[in-house]
Amino acid sequence: MNGQELSNKIEKSTLEYRKLFLEKNFEKLCDYATPKLIEHLKTKQDLVFLLTELNKNAESKGAKVKNITFGKNSEIIEYKNQLQCSIPFSLEMEDDKKKVTFSAGLALISFDKGETWLFTFKVEKQQEINNVVLDLDNRIMIAERSQNVINK
């Protein structure tokens, strides 16, 4: 597969992640988590619980998820019979008083030469440790989380 075909497959995957996230179908979304992320959290149900609780917490404060968008993926790297890259995303939430945009990144990994892509988020603050824990090439950089708040 060439770079454009791989990027198209990545875009298709991120559109599926977006759909599932906006539908709050965290059970199905977690089917796309990397094995190392699940192993780090202990079980798939732990990841489902984490996403569900984060969403409930935001909604209990009156915030609603409005959108999630993905940027362009980084260079795709071959590593241990996998393809890996990183991709930025933005999550938009708002309540009656403000709009908050969280920006962060994910790493995407394909175990089948780019046909399907699984995601992981950063689990350790230090990049080098994070990449060891998640079995990522040291060139994969997952963007740190930042937020922008706009008062209405």
N, C-alpha and C. Protein backbone atom coordinates (compact mmCIF):
# COMPACT_ATOMS: atom_id res chain seq x y z
N MET A 1 0.84 -1.18 0.00
CA MET A 1 0.00 0.00 0.00
C MET A 1 0.89 1.24 0.00
N ASN A 2 0.50 2.23 -0.77
CA ASN A 2 1.29 3.45 -0.77
C ASN A 2 0.83 4.40 0.34
N GLY A 3 1.55 5.49 0.53
CA GLY A 3 1.26 6.44 1.61
C GLY A 3 -0.14 7.00 1.55
N GLN A 4 -0.62 7.31 0.33
CA GLN A 4 -1.97 7.88 0.21
C GLN A 4 -3.04 6.86 0.59
N GLU A 5 -2.85 5.62 0.15
CA GLU A 5 -3.80 4.56 0.52
C GLU A 5 -3.83 4.36 2.03
N LEU A 6 -2.64 4.39 2.66
CA LEU A 6 -2.57 4.24 4.11
C LEU A 6 -3.28 5.40 4.81
N SER A 7 -3.04 6.62 4.32
CA SER A 7 -3.70 7.79 4.92
C SER A 7 -5.21 7.71 4.75
N ASN A 8 -5.67 7.19 3.63
CA ASN A 8 -7.12 7.01 3.42
C ASN A 8 -7.70 6.00 4.41
N LYS A 9 -6.96 4.91 4.67
CA LYS A 9 -7.40 3.91 5.65
C LYS A 9 -7.44 4.52 7.05
N ILE A 10 -6.43 5.34 7.36
CA ILE A 10 -6.39 6.02 8.66
C ILE A 10 -7.60 6.96 8.79
N GLU A 11 -7.89 7.71 7.75
CA GLU A 11 -9.02 8.63 7.79
C GLU A 11 -10.33 7.86 8.00
N LYS A 12 -10.47 6.74 7.33
CA LYS A 12 -11.67 5.91 7.50
C LYS A 12 -11.78 5.45 8.96
N SER A 13 -10.66 5.03 9.54
CA SER A 13 -10.66 4.60 10.94
C SER A 13 -11.04 5.73 11.88
N THR A 14 -10.45 6.91 11.68
CA THR A 14 -10.74 8.03 12.59
C THR A 14 -12.19 8.50 12.44
N LEU A 15 -12.76 8.38 11.26
CA LEU A 15 -14.19 8.72 11.09
C LEU A 15 -15.06 7.75 11.89
N GLU A 16 -14.65 6.48 11.93
CA GLU A 16 -15.37 5.48 12.73
C GLU A 16 -15.22 5.79 14.22
N TYR A 17 -13.99 6.13 14.66
CA TYR A 17 -13.77 6.50 16.06
C TYR A 17 -14.66 7.69 16.43
N ARG A 18 -14.70 8.70 15.54
CA ARG A 18 -15.49 9.91 15.79
C ARG A 18 -16.96 9.56 15.97
N LYS A 19 -17.47 8.77 15.03
CA LYS A 19 -18.89 8.37 15.07
C LYS A 19 -19.20 7.67 16.39
N LEU A 20 -18.40 6.69 16.75
CA LEU A 20 -18.64 5.92 17.98
C LEU A 20 -18.52 6.80 19.23
N PHE A 21 -17.55 7.71 19.23
CA PHE A 21 -17.37 8.60 20.38
C PHE A 21 -18.57 9.53 20.53
N LEU A 22 -19.01 10.14 19.44
CA LEU A 22 -20.15 11.06 19.51
C LEU A 22 -21.44 10.33 19.87
N GLU A 23 -21.55 9.07 19.48
CA GLU A 23 -22.72 8.25 19.86
C GLU A 23 -22.60 7.70 21.28
N LYS A 24 -21.44 7.93 21.91
CA LYS A 24 -21.13 7.41 23.26
C LYS A 24 -21.16 5.88 23.29
N ASN A 25 -20.80 5.28 22.16
CA ASN A 25 -20.72 3.82 22.07
C ASN A 25 -19.30 3.40 22.44
N PHE A 26 -18.97 3.58 23.73
CA PHE A 26 -17.61 3.34 24.20
C PHE A 26 -17.23 1.86 24.15
N GLU A 27 -18.20 0.99 24.30
CA GLU A 27 -17.95 -0.45 24.22
C GLU A 27 -17.36 -0.80 22.85
N LYS A 28 -18.00 -0.35 21.80
CA LYS A 28 -17.53 -0.62 20.43
C LYS A 28 -16.24 0.15 20.13
N LEU A 29 -16.16 1.41 20.59
CA LEU A 29 -14.95 2.20 20.37
C LEU A 29 -13.73 1.49 20.95
N CYS A 30 -13.89 0.89 22.10
CA CYS A 30 -12.76 0.23 22.77
C CYS A 30 -12.31 -1.04 22.04
N ASP A 31 -13.11 -1.52 21.11
CA ASP A 31 -12.67 -2.62 20.24
C ASP A 31 -11.48 -2.19 19.39
N TYR A 32 -11.31 -0.89 19.21
CA TYR A 32 -10.22 -0.34 18.39
C TYR A 32 -9.00 0.08 19.21
N ALA A 33 -9.00 -0.20 20.50
CA ALA A 33 -7.85 0.13 21.35
C ALA A 33 -6.73 -0.89 21.11
N THR A 34 -5.49 -0.45 21.21
CA THR A 34 -4.36 -1.36 21.01
C THR A 34 -4.27 -2.34 22.18
N PRO A 35 -3.76 -3.53 21.92
CA PRO A 35 -3.59 -4.51 23.00
C PRO A 35 -2.75 -3.96 24.16
N LYS A 36 -1.72 -3.17 23.86
CA LYS A 36 -0.85 -2.64 24.93
C LYS A 36 -1.60 -1.62 25.79
N LEU A 37 -2.52 -0.86 25.21
CA LEU A 37 -3.32 0.06 26.01
C LEU A 37 -4.23 -0.72 26.95
N ILE A 38 -4.89 -1.73 26.41
CA ILE A 38 -5.77 -2.57 27.23
C ILE A 38 -4.96 -3.24 28.34
N GLU A 39 -3.80 -3.77 27.99
CA GLU A 39 -2.95 -4.43 28.98
C GLU A 39 -2.55 -3.46 30.09
N HIS A 40 -2.22 -2.22 29.71
CA HIS A 40 -1.82 -1.21 30.69
C HIS A 40 -2.97 -0.88 31.65
N LEU A 41 -4.19 -0.82 31.12
CA LEU A 41 -5.36 -0.49 31.94
C LEU A 41 -5.93 -1.72 32.66
N LYS A 42 -5.47 -2.88 32.30
CA LYS A 42 -5.85 -4.20 32.83
C LYS A 42 -6.87 -4.92 31.95
N THR A 43 -8.03 -4.29 31.66
CA THR A 43 -9.04 -4.94 30.81
C THR A 43 -9.70 -3.92 29.89
N LYS A 44 -10.35 -4.42 28.85
CA LYS A 44 -11.13 -3.56 27.95
C LYS A 44 -12.22 -2.84 28.74
N GLN A 45 -12.82 -3.55 29.68
CA GLN A 45 -13.90 -2.94 30.48
C GLN A 45 -13.39 -1.76 31.29
N ASP A 46 -12.12 -1.78 31.69
CA ASP A 46 -11.55 -0.63 32.40
C ASP A 46 -11.50 0.60 31.50
N LEU A 47 -11.20 0.39 30.22
CA LEU A 47 -11.18 1.51 29.27
C LEU A 47 -12.60 2.01 29.01
N VAL A 48 -13.54 1.10 28.86
CA VAL A 48 -14.95 1.49 28.68
C VAL A 48 -15.40 2.32 29.88
N PHE A 49 -15.07 1.84 31.08
CA PHE A 49 -15.43 2.55 32.31
C PHE A 49 -14.81 3.94 32.34
N LEU A 50 -13.53 4.04 32.01
CA LEU A 50 -12.82 5.32 32.00
C LEU A 50 -13.51 6.33 31.07
N LEU A 51 -13.79 5.92 29.85
CA LEU A 51 -14.44 6.82 28.89
C LEU A 51 -15.85 7.19 29.33
N THR A 52 -16.57 6.22 29.86
CA THR A 52 -17.94 6.47 30.34
C THR A 52 -17.94 7.46 31.50
N GLU A 53 -17.04 7.26 32.44
CA GLU A 53 -16.97 8.14 33.61
C GLU A 53 -16.53 9.56 33.23
N LEU A 54 -15.57 9.69 32.33
CA LEU A 54 -15.16 11.01 31.87
C LEU A 54 -16.33 11.75 31.24
N ASN A 55 -17.10 11.03 30.44
CA ASN A 55 -18.26 11.63 29.78
C ASN A 55 -19.33 12.02 30.81
N LYS A 56 -19.62 11.11 31.75
CA LYS A 56 -20.62 11.41 32.80
C LYS A 56 -20.19 12.61 33.63
N ASN A 57 -18.90 12.68 33.96
CA ASN A 57 -18.38 13.78 34.76
C ASN A 57 -18.60 15.12 34.04
N ALA A 58 -18.28 15.16 32.76
CA ALA A 58 -18.48 16.40 31.98
C ALA A 58 -19.96 16.76 31.92
N GLU A 59 -20.81 15.77 31.65
CA GLU A 59 -22.25 16.04 31.54
C GLU A 59 -22.85 16.46 32.87
N SER A 60 -22.33 15.95 33.98
CA SER A 60 -22.85 16.33 35.30
C SER A 60 -22.57 17.80 35.59
N LYS A 61 -21.58 18.35 34.91
CA LYS A 61 -21.25 19.78 35.07
C LYS A 61 -21.92 20.63 34.00
N GLY A 62 -22.82 20.02 33.24
CA GLY A 62 -23.56 20.76 32.22
C GLY A 62 -22.87 20.86 30.87
N ALA A 63 -21.73 20.22 30.72
CA ALA A 63 -20.99 20.29 29.45
C ALA A 63 -21.46 19.19 28.50
N LYS A 64 -21.51 19.51 27.24
CA LYS A 64 -21.89 18.55 26.21
C LYS A 64 -20.76 18.49 25.17
N VAL A 65 -20.47 17.26 24.73
CA VAL A 65 -19.50 17.09 23.65
C VAL A 65 -20.17 17.54 22.36
N LYS A 66 -19.52 18.45 21.66
CA LYS A 66 -20.07 18.99 20.41
C LYS A 66 -19.42 18.36 19.18
N ASN A 67 -18.13 18.05 19.28
CA ASN A 67 -17.45 17.52 18.10
C ASN A 67 -16.09 16.95 18.50
N ILE A 68 -15.60 16.07 17.68
CA ILE A 68 -14.22 15.59 17.77
C ILE A 68 -13.70 15.51 16.34
N THR A 69 -12.54 16.10 16.12
CA THR A 69 -11.96 16.10 14.77
C THR A 69 -10.51 15.63 14.86
N PHE A 70 -10.06 15.00 13.80
CA PHE A 70 -8.71 14.49 13.72
C PHE A 70 -7.94 15.26 12.66
N GLY A 71 -6.67 15.49 12.93
CA GLY A 71 -5.80 16.16 11.98
C GLY A 71 -5.15 15.17 11.02
N LYS A 72 -4.05 15.59 10.45
CA LYS A 72 -3.32 14.75 9.50
C LYS A 72 -2.33 13.88 10.26
N ASN A 73 -2.25 12.62 9.87
CA ASN A 73 -1.32 11.72 10.54
C ASN A 73 0.13 12.06 10.23
N SER A 74 1.00 11.70 11.15
CA SER A 74 2.44 11.89 10.96
C SER A 74 2.97 10.87 9.94
N GLU A 75 4.25 10.91 9.73
CA GLU A 75 4.90 9.91 8.89
C GLU A 75 4.59 8.52 9.45
N ILE A 76 4.31 7.58 8.56
CA ILE A 76 4.02 6.21 8.97
C ILE A 76 5.34 5.44 9.05
N ILE A 77 5.58 4.85 10.20
CA ILE A 77 6.86 4.18 10.49
C ILE A 77 6.63 2.67 10.59
N GLU A 78 7.53 1.90 10.01
CA GLU A 78 7.49 0.44 10.18
C GLU A 78 8.30 0.09 11.42
N TYR A 79 7.70 -0.70 12.30
CA TYR A 79 8.34 -1.05 13.57
C TYR A 79 7.81 -2.40 14.03
N LYS A 80 8.70 -3.37 14.20
CA LYS A 80 8.33 -4.71 14.69
C LYS A 80 7.12 -5.30 13.95
N ASN A 81 7.17 -5.34 12.64
CA ASN A 81 6.07 -5.88 11.81
C ASN A 81 4.75 -5.13 12.00
N GLN A 82 4.84 -3.87 12.40
CA GLN A 82 3.66 -3.02 12.56
C GLN A 82 3.89 -1.74 11.75
N LEU A 83 2.81 -1.05 11.47
CA LEU A 83 2.89 0.31 10.98
C LEU A 83 2.40 1.19 12.11
N GLN A 84 3.09 2.31 12.34
CA GLN A 84 2.73 3.21 13.44
C GLN A 84 2.82 4.65 12.98
N CYS A 85 1.95 5.48 13.55
CA CYS A 85 2.01 6.92 13.33
C CYS A 85 1.31 7.61 14.50
N SER A 86 1.39 8.91 14.51
CA SER A 86 0.62 9.66 15.50
C SER A 86 -0.34 10.57 14.74
N ILE A 87 -1.36 11.03 15.45
CA ILE A 87 -2.36 11.88 14.83
C ILE A 87 -2.93 12.82 15.90
N PRO A 88 -3.04 14.11 15.58
CA PRO A 88 -3.64 15.04 16.54
C PRO A 88 -5.16 14.99 16.47
N PHE A 89 -5.80 15.36 17.57
CA PHE A 89 -7.25 15.50 17.55
C PHE A 89 -7.67 16.65 18.45
N SER A 90 -8.88 17.15 18.19
CA SER A 90 -9.48 18.20 19.02
C SER A 90 -10.86 17.74 19.44
N LEU A 91 -11.16 17.93 20.71
CA LEU A 91 -12.45 17.59 21.28
C LEU A 91 -13.09 18.89 21.75
N GLU A 92 -14.27 19.18 21.19
CA GLU A 92 -14.97 20.42 21.55
C GLU A 92 -16.14 20.10 22.47
N MET A 93 -16.17 20.83 23.59
CA MET A 93 -17.25 20.70 24.56
C MET A 93 -17.75 22.10 24.89
N GLU A 94 -19.03 22.19 25.29
CA GLU A 94 -19.50 23.49 25.74
C GLU A 94 -20.63 23.35 26.72
N ASP A 95 -20.79 24.41 27.52
CA ASP A 95 -21.93 24.52 28.42
C ASP A 95 -22.54 25.90 28.19
N ASP A 96 -23.38 26.34 29.08
CA ASP A 96 -24.06 27.63 28.89
C ASP A 96 -23.11 28.82 28.89
N LYS A 97 -21.97 28.68 29.55
CA LYS A 97 -21.08 29.82 29.75
C LYS A 97 -19.81 29.82 28.92
N LYS A 98 -19.35 28.63 28.52
CA LYS A 98 -18.08 28.59 27.81
C LYS A 98 -17.99 27.42 26.83
N LYS A 99 -17.03 27.58 25.93
CA LYS A 99 -16.70 26.53 24.98
C LYS A 99 -15.25 26.14 25.26
N VAL A 100 -15.01 24.85 25.40
CA VAL A 100 -13.67 24.36 25.70
C VAL A 100 -13.23 23.41 24.59
N THR A 101 -12.03 23.64 24.09
CA THR A 101 -11.46 22.74 23.08
C THR A 101 -10.21 22.10 23.68
N PHE A 102 -10.24 20.78 23.75
CA PHE A 102 -9.08 20.02 24.20
C PHE A 102 -8.35 19.54 22.96
N SER A 103 -7.04 19.74 22.93
CA SER A 103 -6.22 19.22 21.84
C SER A 103 -5.25 18.22 22.44
N ALA A 104 -5.07 17.12 21.74
CA ALA A 104 -4.15 16.08 22.20
C ALA A 104 -3.77 15.22 21.00
N GLY A 105 -3.25 14.06 21.27
CA GLY A 105 -2.87 13.18 20.17
C GLY A 105 -3.08 11.72 20.53
N LEU A 106 -3.07 10.92 19.52
CA LEU A 106 -3.15 9.47 19.65
C LEU A 106 -2.01 8.87 18.84
N ALA A 107 -1.65 7.65 19.17
CA ALA A 107 -0.80 6.86 18.29
C ALA A 107 -1.72 5.85 17.63
N LEU A 108 -1.48 5.58 16.37
CA LEU A 108 -2.25 4.58 15.63
C LEU A 108 -1.30 3.47 15.22
N ILE A 109 -1.77 2.24 15.36
CA ILE A 109 -0.94 1.08 15.04
C ILE A 109 -1.75 0.13 14.16
N SER A 110 -1.10 -0.38 13.13
CA SER A 110 -1.70 -1.40 12.28
C SER A 110 -0.86 -2.66 12.36
N PHE A 111 -1.55 -3.76 12.61
CA PHE A 111 -0.89 -5.07 12.67
C PHE A 111 -1.10 -5.85 11.37
N ASP A 112 -1.85 -5.25 10.42
CA ASP A 112 -2.18 -5.95 9.17
C ASP A 112 -1.83 -5.12 7.93
N LYS A 113 -0.63 -4.50 7.98
CA LYS A 113 -0.08 -3.75 6.85
C LYS A 113 -0.93 -2.55 6.44
N GLY A 114 -1.69 -1.99 7.38
CA GLY A 114 -2.43 -0.76 7.11
C GLY A 114 -3.89 -0.93 6.78
N GLU A 115 -4.38 -2.15 6.80
CA GLU A 115 -5.81 -2.37 6.51
C GLU A 115 -6.69 -1.81 7.62
N THR A 116 -6.31 -2.08 8.86
CA THR A 116 -7.07 -1.57 10.01
C THR A 116 -6.09 -0.88 10.97
N TRP A 117 -6.60 0.09 11.70
CA TRP A 117 -5.78 0.88 12.62
C TRP A 117 -6.40 0.89 14.00
N LEU A 118 -5.57 0.64 15.00
CA LEU A 118 -5.98 0.68 16.40
C LEU A 118 -5.36 1.92 17.05
N PHE A 119 -5.99 2.42 18.10
CA PHE A 119 -5.49 3.63 18.74
C PHE A 119 -4.98 3.38 20.15
N THR A 120 -4.11 4.26 20.59
CA THR A 120 -3.73 4.35 21.99
C THR A 120 -3.49 5.81 22.31
N PHE A 121 -3.76 6.17 23.53
CA PHE A 121 -3.43 7.53 23.98
C PHE A 121 -2.24 7.43 24.91
N LYS A 122 -1.71 8.56 25.28
CA LYS A 122 -0.53 8.61 26.14
C LYS A 122 -0.91 8.16 27.55
N VAL A 123 -0.11 7.25 28.10
CA VAL A 123 -0.38 6.73 29.45
C VAL A 123 0.71 7.12 30.46
N GLU A 124 1.84 7.59 29.97
CA GLU A 124 2.94 8.03 30.82
C GLU A 124 3.37 9.42 30.39
N LYS A 125 3.67 10.27 31.35
CA LYS A 125 4.04 11.66 31.05
C LYS A 125 5.29 11.74 30.17
N GLN A 126 6.32 10.98 30.55
CA GLN A 126 7.58 11.01 29.81
C GLN A 126 7.47 10.21 28.53
N GLN A 127 7.78 10.84 27.40
CA GLN A 127 7.62 10.23 26.08
C GLN A 127 8.36 8.89 25.96
N GLU A 128 9.60 8.83 26.44
CA GLU A 128 10.40 7.61 26.28
C GLU A 128 9.75 6.45 27.04
N ILE A 129 9.31 6.71 28.27
CA ILE A 129 8.67 5.66 29.07
C ILE A 129 7.35 5.25 28.43
N ASN A 130 6.59 6.25 27.98
CA ASN A 130 5.32 5.98 27.32
C ASN A 130 5.51 5.03 26.13
N ASN A 131 6.50 5.31 25.31
CA ASN A 131 6.71 4.50 24.12
C ASN A 131 7.16 3.08 24.45
N VAL A 132 7.90 2.90 25.54
CA VAL A 132 8.28 1.56 25.97
C VAL A 132 7.04 0.80 26.46
N VAL A 133 6.25 1.45 27.31
CA VAL A 133 5.05 0.82 27.86
C VAL A 133 4.08 0.40 26.75
N LEU A 134 3.93 1.27 25.74
CA LEU A 134 2.96 1.01 24.67
C LEU A 134 3.58 0.32 23.46
N ASP A 135 4.86 -0.03 23.52
CA ASP A 135 5.57 -0.69 22.43
C ASP A 135 5.52 0.13 21.14
N LEU A 136 5.86 1.43 21.28
CA LEU A 136 5.89 2.33 20.13
C LEU A 136 7.33 2.65 19.76
N ASP A 137 7.56 2.86 18.48
CA ASP A 137 8.86 3.32 18.00
C ASP A 137 9.19 4.64 18.69
N ASN A 138 10.47 4.88 18.97
CA ASN A 138 10.83 6.10 19.70
C ASN A 138 10.61 7.38 18.88
N ARG A 139 10.34 7.24 17.59
CA ARG A 139 10.04 8.43 16.76
C ARG A 139 8.58 8.84 16.83
N ILE A 140 7.73 8.01 17.43
CA ILE A 140 6.30 8.33 17.55
C ILE A 140 6.13 9.31 18.71
N MET A 141 5.61 10.48 18.43
CA MET A 141 5.38 11.51 19.44
C MET A 141 3.89 11.75 19.56
N ILE A 142 3.33 11.47 20.73
CA ILE A 142 1.92 11.72 20.99
C ILE A 142 1.81 13.10 21.63
N ALA A 143 1.05 13.98 20.99
CA ALA A 143 0.92 15.36 21.46
C ALA A 143 0.34 15.41 22.87
N GLU A 144 0.90 16.30 23.68
CA GLU A 144 0.39 16.55 25.04
C GLU A 144 -0.98 17.20 24.96
N ARG A 145 -1.75 16.99 26.00
CA ARG A 145 -3.09 17.59 26.07
C ARG A 145 -2.97 19.06 26.43
N SER A 146 -3.73 19.88 25.72
CA SER A 146 -3.84 21.29 26.06
C SER A 146 -5.31 21.66 25.93
N GLN A 147 -5.67 22.80 26.47
CA GLN A 147 -7.07 23.21 26.34
C GLN A 147 -7.16 24.70 26.11
N ASN A 148 -8.20 25.08 25.41
CA ASN A 148 -8.49 26.47 25.13
C ASN A 148 -9.92 26.74 25.57
N VAL A 149 -10.11 27.75 26.40
CA VAL A 149 -11.44 28.07 26.92
C VAL A 149 -11.86 29.43 26.37
N ILE A 150 -13.09 29.45 25.80
CA ILE A 150 -13.65 30.69 25.28
C ILE A 150 -14.95 30.94 26.01
N ASN A 151 -15.02 32.07 26.72
CA ASN A 151 -16.25 32.43 27.41
C ASN A 151 -17.25 32.97 26.41
N LYS A 152 -18.52 32.59 26.60
CA LYS A 152 -19.57 33.02 25.67
C LYS A 152 -20.05 34.42 26.00
